[in-house]
Amino acid sequence: LTILLVGLTIIFLIAVGTIPGFASYAGGSVPVAILAALLITLIPT
């Protein structure tokens, strides 16, 4: 189960890390604090 949780964390970390590029393409930006909040709610804390 720990391995599964680590895997999910890595997947969501990569997913959140790509968001600034998509936001920039759409003509906006996402603050780091908001990205951090998204990551913490996505991973199985």
All heavy atoms as atom14 arrays in JSON, in Angstrom:
{
  "sequence": "LTILLVGLTIIFLIAVGTIPGFASYAGGSVPVAILAALLITLIPT",
  "atom14_mask": [
    [1, 1, 1, 1, 1, 1, 1, 1, 0, 0, 0, 0, 0, 0],
    [1, 1, 1, 1, 1, 1, 1, 0, 0, 0, 0, 0, 0, 0],
    [1, 1, 1, 1, 1, 1, 1, 1, 0, 0, 0, 0, 0, 0],
    [1, 1, 1, 1, 1, 1, 1, 1, 0, 0, 0, 0, 0, 0],
    [1, 1, 1, 1, 1, 1, 1, 1, 0, 0, 0, 0, 0, 0],
    [1, 1, 1, 1, 1, 1, 1, 0, 0, 0, 0, 0, 0, 0],
    [1, 1, 1, 1, 0, 0, 0, 0, 0, 0, 0, 0, 0, 0],
    [1, 1, 1, 1, 1, 1, 1, 1, 0, 0, 0, 0, 0, 0],
    [1, 1, 1, 1, 1, 1, 1, 0, 0, 0, 0, 0, 0, 0],
    [1, 1, 1, 1, 1, 1, 1, 1, 0, 0, 0, 0, 0, 0],
    [1, 1, 1, 1, 1, 1, 1, 1, 0, 0, 0, 0, 0, 0],
    [1, 1, 1, 1, 1, 1, 1, 1, 1, 1, 1, 0, 0, 0],
    [1, 1, 1, 1, 1, 1, 1, 1, 0, 0, 0, 0, 0, 0],
    [1, 1, 1, 1, 1, 1, 1, 1, 0, 0, 0, 0, 0, 0],
    [1, 1, 1, 1, 1, 0, 0, 0, 0, 0, 0, 0, 0, 0],
    [1, 1, 1, 1, 1, 1, 1, 0, 0, 0, 0, 0, 0, 0],
    [1, 1, 1, 1, 0, 0, 0, 0, 0, 0, 0, 0, 0, 0],
    [1, 1, 1, 1, 1, 1, 1, 0, 0, 0, 0, 0, 0, 0],
    [1, 1, 1, 1, 1, 1, 1, 1, 0, 0, 0, 0, 0, 0],
    [1, 1, 1, 1, 1, 1, 1, 0, 0, 0, 0, 0, 0, 0],
    [1, 1, 1, 1, 0, 0, 0, 0, 0, 0, 0, 0, 0, 0],
    [1, 1, 1, 1, 1, 1, 1, 1, 1, 1, 1, 0, 0, 0],
    [1, 1, 1, 1, 1, 0, 0, 0, 0, 0, 0, 0, 0, 0],
    [1, 1, 1, 1, 1, 1, 0, 0, 0, 0, 0, 0, 0, 0],
    [1, 1, 1, 1, 1, 1, 1, 1, 1, 1, 1, 1, 0, 0],
    [1, 1, 1, 1, 1, 0, 0, 0, 0, 0, 0, 0, 0, 0],
    [1, 1, 1, 1, 0, 0, 0, 0, 0, 0, 0, 0, 0, 0],
    [1, 1, 1, 1, 0, 0, 0, 0, 0, 0, 0, 0, 0, 0],
    [1, 1, 1, 1, 1, 1, 0, 0, 0, 0, 0, 0, 0, 0],
    [1, 1, 1, 1, 1, 1, 1, 0, 0, 0, 0, 0, 0, 0],
    [1, 1, 1, 1, 1, 1, 1, 0, 0, 0, 0, 0, 0, 0],
    [1, 1, 1, 1, 1, 1, 1, 0, 0, 0, 0, 0, 0, 0],
    [1, 1, 1, 1, 1, 0, 0, 0, 0, 0, 0, 0, 0, 0],
    [1, 1, 1, 1, 1, 1, 1, 1, 0, 0, 0, 0, 0, 0],
    [1, 1, 1, 1, 1, 1, 1, 1, 0, 0, 0, 0, 0, 0],
    [1, 1, 1, 1, 1, 0, 0, 0, 0, 0, 0, 0, 0, 0],
    [1, 1, 1, 1, 1, 0, 0, 0, 0, 0, 0, 0, 0, 0],
    [1, 1, 1, 1, 1, 1, 1, 1, 0, 0, 0, 0, 0, 0],
    [1, 1, 1, 1, 1, 1, 1, 1, 0, 0, 0, 0, 0, 0],
    [1, 1, 1, 1, 1, 1, 1, 1, 0, 0, 0, 0, 0, 0],
    [1, 1, 1, 1, 1, 1, 1, 0, 0, 0, 0, 0, 0, 0],
    [1, 1, 1, 1, 1, 1, 1, 1, 0, 0, 0, 0, 0, 0],
    [1, 1, 1, 1, 1, 1, 1, 1, 0, 0, 0, 0, 0, 0],
    [1, 1, 1, 1, 1, 1, 1, 0, 0, 0, 0, 0, 0, 0],
    [1, 1, 1, 1, 1, 1, 1, 0, 0, 0, 0, 0, 0, 0]
  ],
  "atom14_positions": [
    [[0.83, -1.21, 0.0], [0.0, 0.0, 0.0], [0.87, 1.26, 0.0], [0.55, 2.25, -0.67], [-0.93, -0.01, 1.22], [-1.98, 1.11, 1.29], [-2.81, 1.17, 0.01], [-2.89, 0.9, 2.5], [0.0, 0.0, 0.0], [0.0, 0.0, 0.0], [0.0, 0.0, 0.0], [0.0, 0.0, 0.0], [0.0, 0.0, 0.0], [0.0, 0.0, 0.0]],
    [[1.98, 1.22, 0.73], [2.9, 2.36, 0.74], [3.46, 2.62, -0.65], [3.55, 3.77, -1.1], [4.05, 2.11, 1.73], [3.52, 1.91, 3.04], [5.01, 3.29, 1.76], [0.0, 0.0, 0.0], [0.0, 0.0, 0.0], [0.0, 0.0, 0.0], [0.0, 0.0, 0.0], [0.0, 0.0, 0.0], [0.0, 0.0, 0.0], [0.0, 0.0, 0.0]],
    [[3.82, 1.55, -1.37], [4.33, 1.69, -2.75], [3.26, 2.32, -3.64], [3.55, 3.2, -4.48], [4.78, 0.33, -3.3], [6.01, -0.18, -2.53], [5.08, 0.42, -4.79], [6.4, -1.6, -2.86], [0.0, 0.0, 0.0], [0.0, 0.0, 0.0], [0.0, 0.0, 0.0], [0.0, 0.0, 0.0], [0.0, 0.0, 0.0], [0.0, 0.0, 0.0]],
    [[2.0, 1.88, -3.47], [0.91, 2.45, -4.25], [0.75, 3.95, -3.97], [0.6, 4.76, -4.9], [-0.39, 1.72, -3.93], [-1.67, 2.29, -4.57], [-1.58, 2.22, -6.1], [-2.9, 1.56, -4.07], [0.0, 0.0, 0.0], [0.0, 0.0, 0.0], [0.0, 0.0, 0.0], [0.0, 0.0, 0.0], [0.0, 0.0, 0.0], [0.0, 0.0, 0.0]],
    [[0.82, 4.32, -2.68], [0.67, 5.72, -2.31], [1.82, 6.56, -2.87], [1.61, 7.68, -3.33], [0.61, 5.86, -0.79], [-0.55, 5.16, -0.08], [-0.52, 5.44, 1.42], [-1.88, 5.58, -0.67], [0.0, 0.0, 0.0], [0.0, 0.0, 0.0], [0.0, 0.0, 0.0], [0.0, 0.0, 0.0], [0.0, 0.0, 0.0], [0.0, 0.0, 0.0]],
    [[3.03, 6.01, -2.83], [4.19, 6.71, -3.4], [4.0, 6.9, -4.91], [4.26, 7.98, -5.47], [5.5, 5.95, -3.11], [6.66, 6.57, -3.88], [5.8, 5.97, -1.62], [0.0, 0.0, 0.0], [0.0, 0.0, 0.0], [0.0, 0.0, 0.0], [0.0, 0.0, 0.0], [0.0, 0.0, 0.0], [0.0, 0.0, 0.0], [0.0, 0.0, 0.0]],
    [[3.52, 5.84, -5.57], [3.27, 5.93, -7.01], [2.26, 7.01, -7.35], [2.46, 7.8, -8.29], [0.0, 0.0, 0.0], [0.0, 0.0, 0.0], [0.0, 0.0, 0.0], [0.0, 0.0, 0.0], [0.0, 0.0, 0.0], [0.0, 0.0, 0.0], [0.0, 0.0, 0.0], [0.0, 0.0, 0.0], [0.0, 0.0, 0.0], [0.0, 0.0, 0.0]],
    [[1.16, 7.06, -6.59], [0.15, 8.09, -6.83], [0.72, 9.48, -6.6], [0.42, 10.43, -7.34], [-1.06, 7.85, -5.91], [-1.93, 6.64, -6.23], [-2.99, 6.45, -5.16], [-2.59, 6.8, -7.6], [0.0, 0.0, 0.0], [0.0, 0.0, 0.0], [0.0, 0.0, 0.0], [0.0, 0.0, 0.0], [0.0, 0.0, 0.0], [0.0, 0.0, 0.0]],
    [[1.55, 9.6, -5.57], [2.15, 10.9, -5.27], [3.04, 11.37, -6.42], [2.99, 12.54, -6.83], [2.99, 10.81, -3.97], [2.13, 10.4, -2.9], [3.62, 12.15, -3.63], [0.0, 0.0, 0.0], [0.0, 0.0, 0.0], [0.0, 0.0, 0.0], [0.0, 0.0, 0.0], [0.0, 0.0, 0.0], [0.0, 0.0, 0.0], [0.0, 0.0, 0.0]],
    [[3.84, 10.46, -6.97], [4.72, 10.81, -8.09], [3.9, 11.21, -9.32], [4.19, 12.2, -10.0], [5.66, 9.64, -8.42], [6.64, 9.4, -7.26], [6.43, 9.91, -9.71], [7.47, 8.16, -7.41], [0.0, 0.0, 0.0], [0.0, 0.0, 0.0], [0.0, 0.0, 0.0], [0.0, 0.0, 0.0], [0.0, 0.0, 0.0], [0.0, 0.0, 0.0]],
    [[2.83, 10.44, -9.59], [1.98, 10.74, -10.75], [1.37, 12.13, -10.63], [1.38, 12.94, -11.57], [0.88, 9.67, -10.89], [1.5, 8.33, -11.33], [-0.19, 10.11, -11.89], [0.53, 7.17, -11.26], [0.0, 0.0, 0.0], [0.0, 0.0, 0.0], [0.0, 0.0, 0.0], [0.0, 0.0, 0.0], [0.0, 0.0, 0.0], [0.0, 0.0, 0.0]],
    [[0.81, 12.43, -9.43], [0.16, 13.73, -9.25], [1.19, 14.86, -9.21], [0.9, 15.99, -9.62], [-0.68, 13.73, -7.98], [-1.96, 12.94, -8.1], [-2.29, 11.96, -7.18], [-2.82, 13.19, -9.15], [-3.46, 11.24, -7.3], [-4.01, 12.47, -9.28], [-4.33, 11.49, -8.36], [0.0, 0.0, 0.0], [0.0, 0.0, 0.0], [0.0, 0.0, 0.0]],
    [[2.39, 14.56, -8.74], [3.45, 15.57, -8.73], [3.81, 15.97, -10.17], [3.96, 17.16, -10.49], [4.68, 15.03, -8.0], [5.83, 16.0, -7.73], [5.37, 17.16, -6.88], [6.99, 15.27, -7.06], [0.0, 0.0, 0.0], [0.0, 0.0, 0.0], [0.0, 0.0, 0.0], [0.0, 0.0, 0.0], [0.0, 0.0, 0.0], [0.0, 0.0, 0.0]],
    [[3.9, 14.96, -11.03], [4.2, 15.23, -12.45], [3.03, 16.0, -13.09], [3.23, 16.96, -13.86], [4.46, 13.92, -13.2], [5.75, 13.25, -12.67], [4.57, 14.16, -14.7], [5.97, 11.85, -13.21], [0.0, 0.0, 0.0], [0.0, 0.0, 0.0], [0.0, 0.0, 0.0], [0.0, 0.0, 0.0], [0.0, 0.0, 0.0], [0.0, 0.0, 0.0]],
    [[1.79, 15.55, -12.76], [0.61, 16.21, -13.34], [0.55, 17.68, -12.94], [0.3, 18.56, -13.78], [-0.65, 15.48, -12.88], [0.0, 0.0, 0.0], [0.0, 0.0, 0.0], [0.0, 0.0, 0.0], [0.0, 0.0, 0.0], [0.0, 0.0, 0.0], [0.0, 0.0, 0.0], [0.0, 0.0, 0.0], [0.0, 0.0, 0.0], [0.0, 0.0, 0.0]],
    [[0.76, 17.97, -11.66], [0.72, 19.35, -11.19], [1.87, 20.16, -11.77], [1.73, 21.35, -12.1], [0.73, 19.4, -9.64], [0.89, 20.83, -9.13], [-0.55, 18.79, -9.08], [0.0, 0.0, 0.0], [0.0, 0.0, 0.0], [0.0, 0.0, 0.0], [0.0, 0.0, 0.0], [0.0, 0.0, 0.0], [0.0, 0.0, 0.0], [0.0, 0.0, 0.0]],
    [[3.02, 19.52, -11.94], [4.19, 20.21, -12.48], [3.99, 20.67, -13.91], [4.66, 21.61, -14.38], [0.0, 0.0, 0.0], [0.0, 0.0, 0.0], [0.0, 0.0, 0.0], [0.0, 0.0, 0.0], [0.0, 0.0, 0.0], [0.0, 0.0, 0.0], [0.0, 0.0, 0.0], [0.0, 0.0, 0.0], [0.0, 0.0, 0.0], [0.0, 0.0, 0.0]],
    [[3.08, 20.03, -14.65], [2.84, 20.43, -16.05], [1.79, 21.52, -16.18], [1.61, 22.06, -17.28], [2.39, 19.2, -16.86], [1.17, 18.69, -16.31], [3.45, 18.12, -16.86], [0.0, 0.0, 0.0], [0.0, 0.0, 0.0], [0.0, 0.0, 0.0], [0.0, 0.0, 0.0], [0.0, 0.0, 0.0], [0.0, 0.0, 0.0], [0.0, 0.0, 0.0]],
    [[1.09, 21.82, -15.09], [0.0, 22.8, -15.16], [0.47, 24.19, -15.57], [-0.18, 24.85, -16.39], [-0.77, 22.84, -13.82], [-1.63, 21.58, -13.69], [-1.64, 24.09, -13.71], [-2.33, 21.43, -12.36], [0.0, 0.0, 0.0], [0.0, 0.0, 0.0], [0.0, 0.0, 0.0], [0.0, 0.0, 0.0], [0.0, 0.0, 0.0], [0.0, 0.0, 0.0]],
    [[1.6, 24.72, -15.03], [2.02, 26.07, -15.44], [2.17, 26.22, -16.96], [1.82, 27.27, -17.52], [3.37, 26.24, -14.73], [3.26, 25.38, -13.52], [2.47, 24.19, -13.97], [0.0, 0.0, 0.0], [0.0, 0.0, 0.0], [0.0, 0.0, 0.0], [0.0, 0.0, 0.0], [0.0, 0.0, 0.0], [0.0, 0.0, 0.0], [0.0, 0.0, 0.0]],
    [[2.64, 25.19, -17.65], [2.77, 25.26, -19.11], [1.43, 25.4, -19.79], [1.26, 26.22, -20.71], [0.0, 0.0, 0.0], [0.0, 0.0, 0.0], [0.0, 0.0, 0.0], [0.0, 0.0, 0.0], [0.0, 0.0, 0.0], [0.0, 0.0, 0.0], [0.0, 0.0, 0.0], [0.0, 0.0, 0.0], [0.0, 0.0, 0.0], [0.0, 0.0, 0.0]],
    [[0.43, 24.61, -19.33], [-0.9, 24.7, -19.92], [-1.53, 26.06, -19.62], [-2.2, 26.65, -20.46], [-1.8, 23.58, -19.37], [-1.47, 22.24, -19.92], [-0.83, 21.28, -19.15], [-1.82, 21.91, -21.23], [-0.53, 20.04, -19.68], [-1.52, 20.67, -21.75], [-0.88, 19.73, -20.98], [0.0, 0.0, 0.0], [0.0, 0.0, 0.0], [0.0, 0.0, 0.0]],
    [[-1.32, 26.54, -18.36], [-1.88, 27.84, -17.99], [-1.28, 28.96, -18.83], [-1.97, 29.87, -19.29], [-1.64, 28.1, -16.51], [0.0, 0.0, 0.0], [0.0, 0.0, 0.0], [0.0, 0.0, 0.0], [0.0, 0.0, 0.0], [0.0, 0.0, 0.0], [0.0, 0.0, 0.0], [0.0, 0.0, 0.0], [0.0, 0.0, 0.0], [0.0, 0.0, 0.0]],
    [[0.03, 28.89, -19.07], [0.71, 29.9, -19.89], [0.19, 29.87, -21.32], [-0.02, 30.91, -21.95], [2.23, 29.65, -19.87], [2.89, 30.56, -20.72], [0.0, 0.0, 0.0], [0.0, 0.0, 0.0], [0.0, 0.0, 0.0], [0.0, 0.0, 0.0], [0.0, 0.0, 0.0], [0.0, 0.0, 0.0], [0.0, 0.0, 0.0], [0.0, 0.0, 0.0]],
    [[-0.07, 28.67, -21.83], [-0.61, 28.52, -23.18], [-1.99, 29.16, -23.3], [-2.36, 29.7, -24.34], [-0.67, 27.03, -23.53], [-1.27, 26.74, -24.89], [-0.51, 26.92, -26.05], [-2.58, 26.31, -25.01], [-1.05, 26.66, -27.29], [-3.13, 26.04, -26.25], [-2.36, 26.22, -27.38], [-2.9, 25.97, -28.63], [0.0, 0.0, 0.0], [0.0, 0.0, 0.0]],
    [[-2.75, 29.07, -22.19], [-4.1, 29.65, -22.18], [-4.08, 31.14, -21.86], [-5.13, 31.77, -21.75], [-4.97, 28.91, -21.17], [0.0, 0.0, 0.0], [0.0, 0.0, 0.0], [0.0, 0.0, 0.0], [0.0, 0.0, 0.0], [0.0, 0.0, 0.0], [0.0, 0.0, 0.0], [0.0, 0.0, 0.0], [0.0, 0.0, 0.0], [0.0, 0.0, 0.0]],
    [[-2.9, 31.71, -21.69], [-2.79, 33.14, -21.45], [-2.88, 33.54, -20.0], [-3.19, 34.69, -19.69], [0.0, 0.0, 0.0], [0.0, 0.0, 0.0], [0.0, 0.0, 0.0], [0.0, 0.0, 0.0], [0.0, 0.0, 0.0], [0.0, 0.0, 0.0], [0.0, 0.0, 0.0], [0.0, 0.0, 0.0], [0.0, 0.0, 0.0], [0.0, 0.0, 0.0]],
    [[-2.64, 32.63, -19.07], [-2.7, 32.97, -17.64], [-1.55, 32.32, -16.9], [-0.64, 31.74, -17.5], [0.0, 0.0, 0.0], [0.0, 0.0, 0.0], [0.0, 0.0, 0.0], [0.0, 0.0, 0.0], [0.0, 0.0, 0.0], [0.0, 0.0, 0.0], [0.0, 0.0, 0.0], [0.0, 0.0, 0.0], [0.0, 0.0, 0.0], [0.0, 0.0, 0.0]],
    [[-1.61, 32.44, -15.58], [-0.59, 31.82, -14.73], [-1.24, 31.34, -13.44], [-2.29, 31.84, -13.03], [0.53, 32.82, -14.4], [0.01, 33.91, -13.66], [0.0, 0.0, 0.0], [0.0, 0.0, 0.0], [0.0, 0.0, 0.0], [0.0, 0.0, 0.0], [0.0, 0.0, 0.0], [0.0, 0.0, 0.0], [0.0, 0.0, 0.0], [0.0, 0.0, 0.0]],
    [[-0.6, 30.35, -12.8], [-1.11, 29.78, -11.54], [-0.04, 29.95, -10.48], [1.08, 29.46, -10.65], [-1.47, 28.29, -11.7], [-2.04, 27.75, -10.39], [-2.46, 28.1, -12.83], [0.0, 0.0, 0.0], [0.0, 0.0, 0.0], [0.0, 0.0, 0.0], [0.0, 0.0, 0.0], [0.0, 0.0, 0.0], [0.0, 0.0, 0.0], [0.0, 0.0, 0.0]],
    [[-0.34, 30.66, -9.38], [0.66, 30.84, -8.32], [1.11, 29.5, -7.73], [0.36, 28.52, -7.72], [-0.08, 31.68, -7.27], [-1.19, 32.34, -8.02], [-1.59, 31.38, -9.1], [0.0, 0.0, 0.0], [0.0, 0.0, 0.0], [0.0, 0.0, 0.0], [0.0, 0.0, 0.0], [0.0, 0.0, 0.0], [0.0, 0.0, 0.0], [0.0, 0.0, 0.0]],
    [[2.36, 29.5, -7.23], [2.91, 28.27, -6.64], [2.08, 27.8, -5.46], [1.87, 26.59, -5.27], [4.38, 28.52, -6.21], [4.92, 27.3, -5.45], [5.25, 28.81, -7.41], [0.0, 0.0, 0.0], [0.0, 0.0, 0.0], [0.0, 0.0, 0.0], [0.0, 0.0, 0.0], [0.0, 0.0, 0.0], [0.0, 0.0, 0.0], [0.0, 0.0, 0.0]],
    [[1.58, 28.7, -4.64], [0.78, 28.33, -3.47], [-0.48, 27.57, -3.87], [-0.88, 26.61, -3.21], [0.41, 29.57, -2.66], [0.0, 0.0, 0.0], [0.0, 0.0, 0.0], [0.0, 0.0, 0.0], [0.0, 0.0, 0.0], [0.0, 0.0, 0.0], [0.0, 0.0, 0.0], [0.0, 0.0, 0.0], [0.0, 0.0, 0.0], [0.0, 0.0, 0.0]],
    [[-1.1, 28.0, -5.0], [-2.3, 27.32, -5.47], [-1.95, 25.93, -6.01], [-2.66, 24.95, -5.76], [-2.99, 28.16, -6.56], [-3.37, 29.54, -6.02], [-4.22, 27.43, -7.09], [-4.3, 29.51, -4.84], [0.0, 0.0, 0.0], [0.0, 0.0, 0.0], [0.0, 0.0, 0.0], [0.0, 0.0, 0.0], [0.0, 0.0, 0.0], [0.0, 0.0, 0.0]],
    [[-0.83, 25.83, -6.72], [-0.38, 24.52, -7.22], [-0.08, 23.57, -6.06], [-0.39, 22.38, -6.11], [0.87, 24.69, -8.09], [0.68, 25.39, -9.43], [2.03, 25.65, -10.09], [-0.2, 24.54, -10.35], [0.0, 0.0, 0.0], [0.0, 0.0, 0.0], [0.0, 0.0, 0.0], [0.0, 0.0, 0.0], [0.0, 0.0, 0.0], [0.0, 0.0, 0.0]],
    [[0.54, 24.13, -5.0], [0.85, 23.31, -3.82], [-0.42, 22.8, -3.16], [-0.52, 21.63, -2.76], [1.66, 24.13, -2.82], [0.0, 0.0, 0.0], [0.0, 0.0, 0.0], [0.0, 0.0, 0.0], [0.0, 0.0, 0.0], [0.0, 0.0, 0.0], [0.0, 0.0, 0.0], [0.0, 0.0, 0.0], [0.0, 0.0, 0.0], [0.0, 0.0, 0.0]],
    [[-1.43, 23.69, -3.07], [-2.71, 23.28, -2.48], [-3.35, 22.18, -3.3], [-3.9, 21.2, -2.76], [-3.63, 24.49, -2.38], [0.0, 0.0, 0.0], [0.0, 0.0, 0.0], [0.0, 0.0, 0.0], [0.0, 0.0, 0.0], [0.0, 0.0, 0.0], [0.0, 0.0, 0.0], [0.0, 0.0, 0.0], [0.0, 0.0, 0.0], [0.0, 0.0, 0.0]],
    [[-3.27, 22.31, -4.64], [-3.82, 21.27, -5.5], [-3.13, 19.94, -5.28], [-3.77, 18.89, -5.16], [-3.69, 21.7, -6.96], [-4.1, 20.64, -8.01], [-5.58, 20.31, -7.86], [-3.79, 21.11, -9.41], [0.0, 0.0, 0.0], [0.0, 0.0, 0.0], [0.0, 0.0, 0.0], [0.0, 0.0, 0.0], [0.0, 0.0, 0.0], [0.0, 0.0, 0.0]],
    [[-1.8, 19.95, -5.22], [-1.05, 18.71, -5.04], [-1.43, 18.02, -3.73], [-1.65, 16.79, -3.71], [0.45, 18.99, -5.06], [1.36, 17.79, -4.8], [1.17, 16.72, -5.87], [2.83, 18.21, -4.73], [0.0, 0.0, 0.0], [0.0, 0.0, 0.0], [0.0, 0.0, 0.0], [0.0, 0.0, 0.0], [0.0, 0.0, 0.0], [0.0, 0.0, 0.0]],
    [[-1.53, 18.79, -2.66], [-1.82, 18.18, -1.36], [-3.22, 17.59, -1.32], [-3.45, 16.57, -0.67], [-1.63, 19.22, -0.23], [-0.18, 19.71, -0.2], [-2.02, 18.64, 1.12], [0.85, 18.61, -0.11], [0.0, 0.0, 0.0], [0.0, 0.0, 0.0], [0.0, 0.0, 0.0], [0.0, 0.0, 0.0], [0.0, 0.0, 0.0], [0.0, 0.0, 0.0]],
    [[-4.18, 18.19, -2.03], [-5.52, 17.61, -2.06], [-5.61, 16.42, -3.01], [-6.48, 15.56, -2.86], [-6.57, 18.67, -2.47], [-6.15, 19.28, -3.7], [-6.72, 19.72, -1.4], [0.0, 0.0, 0.0], [0.0, 0.0, 0.0], [0.0, 0.0, 0.0], [0.0, 0.0, 0.0], [0.0, 0.0, 0.0], [0.0, 0.0, 0.0], [0.0, 0.0, 0.0]],
    [[-4.7, 16.37, -3.99], [-4.71, 15.24, -4.92], [-4.07, 13.99, -4.32], [-4.57, 12.87, -4.5], [-3.96, 15.61, -6.2], [-4.64, 16.58, -7.17], [-3.7, 16.92, -8.32], [-5.95, 16.01, -7.7], [0.0, 0.0, 0.0], [0.0, 0.0, 0.0], [0.0, 0.0, 0.0], [0.0, 0.0, 0.0], [0.0, 0.0, 0.0], [0.0, 0.0, 0.0]],
    [[-2.94, 14.14, -3.62], [-2.23, 12.97, -3.1], [-2.97, 12.39, -1.9], [-3.67, 13.12, -1.18], [-0.76, 13.3, -2.75], [-0.69, 14.33, -1.61], [-0.02, 13.78, -3.96], [0.73, 14.65, -1.17], [0.0, 0.0, 0.0], [0.0, 0.0, 0.0], [0.0, 0.0, 0.0], [0.0, 0.0, 0.0], [0.0, 0.0, 0.0], [0.0, 0.0, 0.0]],
    [[-2.86, 11.08, -1.65], [-3.64, 10.4, -0.59], [-3.08, 10.64, 0.81], [-2.53, 9.73, 1.44], [-3.57, 8.93, -0.99], [-2.27, 8.82, -1.73], [-2.07, 10.12, -2.44], [0.0, 0.0, 0.0], [0.0, 0.0, 0.0], [0.0, 0.0, 0.0], [0.0, 0.0, 0.0], [0.0, 0.0, 0.0], [0.0, 0.0, 0.0], [0.0, 0.0, 0.0]],
    [[-3.2, 11.87, 1.3], [-2.64, 12.21, 2.62], [-3.38, 11.52, 3.76], [-2.79, 11.18, 4.77], [-2.67, 13.73, 2.84], [-3.99, 14.21, 2.58], [-1.7, 14.44, 1.92], [0.0, 0.0, 0.0], [0.0, 0.0, 0.0], [0.0, 0.0, 0.0], [0.0, 0.0, 0.0], [0.0, 0.0, 0.0], [0.0, 0.0, 0.0], [0.0, 0.0, 0.0]]
  ]
}
